[in-house]
Amino acid sequence: MALKVFSASRLADEDARKQFHREALTVAKVNHLSIAQIYDFDTQAGVDFLVMEYVSGETLARCISERALK
């Protein structure tokens, strides 16, 4: 598993947090080899985070910088 922690400014207001939570729940229902599985979205001590599948390998940013996506 992996945690993706969001900066305080990323989900600064309650509306943004609720929208992201709805989107995370929707993506969590998708099961596809090209999409990391999302297990949970939560807030602890004012910090928002996703609990998701850990996928080893290159980051998307590195892939894009080295070659065009197919």
N, C-alpha and C. Protein backbone atom coordinates (compact mmCIF):
# COMPACT_ATOMS: atom_id res chain seq x y z
N MET A 1 0.83 -1.18 0.00
CA MET A 1 0.00 0.00 0.00
C MET A 1 0.88 1.24 0.00
N ALA A 2 0.29 2.31 -0.46
CA ALA A 2 0.98 3.59 -0.50
C ALA A 2 0.03 4.68 0.00
N LEU A 3 0.59 5.73 0.58
CA LEU A 3 -0.20 6.88 0.99
C LEU A 3 0.16 8.05 0.09
N LYS A 4 -0.85 8.75 -0.38
CA LYS A 4 -0.63 9.99 -1.11
C LYS A 4 -1.20 11.09 -0.24
N VAL A 5 -0.33 11.94 0.27
CA VAL A 5 -0.72 13.02 1.19
C VAL A 5 -0.84 14.31 0.39
N PHE A 6 -1.91 15.05 0.63
CA PHE A 6 -2.17 16.29 -0.08
C PHE A 6 -1.78 17.48 0.78
N SER A 7 -1.21 18.49 0.14
CA SER A 7 -0.86 19.70 0.87
C SER A 7 -2.13 20.40 1.33
N ALA A 8 -2.01 21.20 2.35
CA ALA A 8 -3.18 21.89 2.91
C ALA A 8 -3.88 22.76 1.87
N SER A 9 -3.12 23.34 0.97
CA SER A 9 -3.73 24.21 -0.05
C SER A 9 -4.45 23.43 -1.14
N ARG A 10 -4.12 22.16 -1.30
CA ARG A 10 -4.72 21.33 -2.36
C ARG A 10 -6.24 21.18 -2.17
N LEU A 11 -6.65 20.92 -0.96
CA LEU A 11 -8.07 20.75 -0.64
C LEU A 11 -8.42 21.76 0.44
N ALA A 12 -8.28 23.01 0.10
CA ALA A 12 -8.35 24.10 1.08
C ALA A 12 -9.72 24.29 1.71
N ASP A 13 -10.78 24.03 0.97
CA ASP A 13 -12.10 24.24 1.55
C ASP A 13 -12.91 22.95 1.56
N GLU A 14 -13.98 22.95 2.30
CA GLU A 14 -14.80 21.75 2.47
C GLU A 14 -15.43 21.29 1.17
N ASP A 15 -15.81 22.21 0.29
CA ASP A 15 -16.39 21.82 -1.00
C ASP A 15 -15.39 21.06 -1.84
N ALA A 16 -14.15 21.54 -1.89
CA ALA A 16 -13.10 20.86 -2.66
C ALA A 16 -12.83 19.47 -2.07
N ARG A 17 -12.81 19.38 -0.75
CA ARG A 17 -12.58 18.10 -0.08
C ARG A 17 -13.71 17.11 -0.39
N LYS A 18 -14.95 17.57 -0.34
CA LYS A 18 -16.10 16.70 -0.64
C LYS A 18 -16.08 16.24 -2.09
N GLN A 19 -15.75 17.15 -3.00
CA GLN A 19 -15.68 16.79 -4.42
C GLN A 19 -14.59 15.74 -4.65
N PHE A 20 -13.42 15.95 -4.06
CA PHE A 20 -12.34 14.99 -4.22
C PHE A 20 -12.72 13.65 -3.62
N HIS A 21 -13.38 13.67 -2.49
CA HIS A 21 -13.81 12.42 -1.84
C HIS A 21 -14.76 11.66 -2.74
N ARG A 22 -15.72 12.35 -3.36
CA ARG A 22 -16.65 11.70 -4.29
C ARG A 22 -15.90 11.09 -5.47
N GLU A 23 -14.94 11.83 -6.01
CA GLU A 23 -14.16 11.32 -7.14
C GLU A 23 -13.32 10.12 -6.73
N ALA A 24 -12.72 10.16 -5.54
CA ALA A 24 -11.92 9.04 -5.06
C ALA A 24 -12.79 7.79 -4.89
N LEU A 25 -13.99 7.95 -4.37
CA LEU A 25 -14.90 6.81 -4.21
C LEU A 25 -15.29 6.23 -5.57
N THR A 26 -15.48 7.09 -6.55
CA THR A 26 -15.82 6.62 -7.90
C THR A 26 -14.66 5.84 -8.50
N VAL A 27 -13.45 6.39 -8.41
CA VAL A 27 -12.28 5.71 -8.96
C VAL A 27 -12.02 4.40 -8.21
N ALA A 28 -12.33 4.35 -6.94
CA ALA A 28 -12.12 3.13 -6.15
C ALA A 28 -12.95 1.96 -6.67
N LYS A 29 -14.01 2.25 -7.39
CA LYS A 29 -14.87 1.20 -7.95
C LYS A 29 -14.31 0.62 -9.25
N VAL A 30 -13.30 1.29 -9.82
CA VAL A 30 -12.71 0.85 -11.08
C VAL A 30 -11.60 -0.15 -10.80
N ASN A 31 -11.60 -1.24 -11.54
CA ASN A 31 -10.55 -2.24 -11.41
C ASN A 31 -9.95 -2.47 -12.79
N HIS A 32 -8.76 -1.91 -13.02
CA HIS A 32 -8.10 -2.01 -14.32
C HIS A 32 -6.59 -2.05 -14.10
N LEU A 33 -5.89 -2.82 -14.91
CA LEU A 33 -4.44 -2.96 -14.75
C LEU A 33 -3.69 -1.64 -14.91
N SER A 34 -4.25 -0.69 -15.64
CA SER A 34 -3.56 0.58 -15.88
C SER A 34 -3.92 1.66 -14.86
N ILE A 35 -4.74 1.32 -13.86
CA ILE A 35 -5.17 2.29 -12.86
C ILE A 35 -4.86 1.73 -11.47
N ALA A 36 -4.12 2.48 -10.68
CA ALA A 36 -3.82 2.04 -9.30
C ALA A 36 -5.12 1.99 -8.50
N GLN A 37 -5.28 0.95 -7.74
CA GLN A 37 -6.48 0.76 -6.92
C GLN A 37 -6.46 1.72 -5.73
N ILE A 38 -7.57 2.40 -5.50
CA ILE A 38 -7.71 3.27 -4.34
C ILE A 38 -8.51 2.52 -3.28
N TYR A 39 -7.95 2.46 -2.08
CA TYR A 39 -8.60 1.73 -1.00
C TYR A 39 -9.38 2.64 -0.06
N ASP A 40 -8.90 3.87 0.15
CA ASP A 40 -9.57 4.74 1.11
C ASP A 40 -9.13 6.18 0.89
N PHE A 41 -9.93 7.10 1.35
CA PHE A 41 -9.61 8.52 1.39
C PHE A 41 -10.03 8.99 2.77
N ASP A 42 -9.14 9.71 3.46
CA ASP A 42 -9.47 10.12 4.81
C ASP A 42 -8.75 11.42 5.16
N THR A 43 -9.14 11.97 6.31
CA THR A 43 -8.51 13.15 6.86
C THR A 43 -8.17 12.86 8.32
N GLN A 44 -6.93 13.08 8.69
CA GLN A 44 -6.49 12.91 10.07
C GLN A 44 -5.72 14.15 10.48
N ALA A 45 -6.11 14.75 11.58
CA ALA A 45 -5.44 15.95 12.10
C ALA A 45 -5.30 17.03 11.02
N GLY A 46 -6.34 17.15 10.19
CA GLY A 46 -6.35 18.18 9.15
C GLY A 46 -5.55 17.85 7.91
N VAL A 47 -5.04 16.62 7.81
CA VAL A 47 -4.25 16.20 6.65
C VAL A 47 -5.08 15.22 5.83
N ASP A 48 -5.28 15.56 4.55
CA ASP A 48 -6.04 14.69 3.64
C ASP A 48 -5.08 13.71 2.96
N PHE A 49 -5.53 12.45 2.79
CA PHE A 49 -4.68 11.47 2.14
C PHE A 49 -5.49 10.36 1.50
N LEU A 50 -4.88 9.73 0.50
CA LEU A 50 -5.42 8.55 -0.16
C LEU A 50 -4.61 7.34 0.29
N VAL A 51 -5.28 6.23 0.51
CA VAL A 51 -4.61 4.96 0.71
C VAL A 51 -4.81 4.20 -0.60
N MET A 52 -3.70 3.86 -1.24
CA MET A 52 -3.83 3.27 -2.56
C MET A 52 -2.81 2.16 -2.78
N GLU A 53 -3.02 1.43 -3.85
CA GLU A 53 -2.12 0.36 -4.25
C GLU A 53 -0.74 0.95 -4.56
N TYR A 54 0.30 0.27 -4.11
CA TYR A 54 1.66 0.68 -4.47
C TYR A 54 2.00 0.03 -5.80
N VAL A 55 2.44 0.84 -6.73
CA VAL A 55 2.84 0.35 -8.05
C VAL A 55 4.30 0.72 -8.25
N SER A 56 5.15 -0.27 -8.39
CA SER A 56 6.56 0.02 -8.59
C SER A 56 6.82 0.37 -10.05
N GLY A 57 7.92 1.05 -10.29
CA GLY A 57 8.28 1.42 -11.65
C GLY A 57 8.48 2.91 -11.78
N GLU A 58 8.53 3.37 -13.02
CA GLU A 58 8.75 4.78 -13.30
C GLU A 58 7.52 5.62 -12.94
N THR A 59 7.77 6.86 -12.60
CA THR A 59 6.66 7.78 -12.37
C THR A 59 6.12 8.24 -13.73
N LEU A 60 4.89 8.67 -13.76
CA LEU A 60 4.31 9.19 -14.98
C LEU A 60 5.09 10.40 -15.48
N ALA A 61 5.50 11.28 -14.56
CA ALA A 61 6.27 12.46 -14.94
C ALA A 61 7.56 12.07 -15.66
N ARG A 62 8.22 11.06 -15.17
CA ARG A 62 9.47 10.62 -15.83
C ARG A 62 9.19 10.01 -17.19
N CYS A 63 8.15 9.21 -17.29
CA CYS A 63 7.78 8.61 -18.59
C CYS A 63 7.51 9.70 -19.63
N ILE A 64 6.76 10.69 -19.23
CA ILE A 64 6.40 11.78 -20.16
C ILE A 64 7.64 12.57 -20.56
N SER A 65 8.56 12.81 -19.63
CA SER A 65 9.74 13.59 -19.95
C SER A 65 10.68 12.86 -20.90
N GLU A 66 10.65 11.53 -20.88
CA GLU A 66 11.57 10.75 -21.70
C GLU A 66 11.01 10.37 -23.05
N ARG A 67 9.70 10.24 -23.16
CA ARG A 67 9.09 9.81 -24.43
C ARG A 67 7.61 10.13 -24.44
N ALA A 68 7.05 10.16 -25.62
CA ALA A 68 5.63 10.41 -25.76
C ALA A 68 4.85 9.18 -25.29
N LEU A 69 3.69 9.42 -24.70
CA LEU A 69 2.83 8.30 -24.30
C LEU A 69 2.14 7.72 -25.53
N LYS A 70 1.93 6.43 -25.52
CA LYS A 70 1.26 5.77 -26.64
C LYS A 70 -0.16 5.43 -26.27
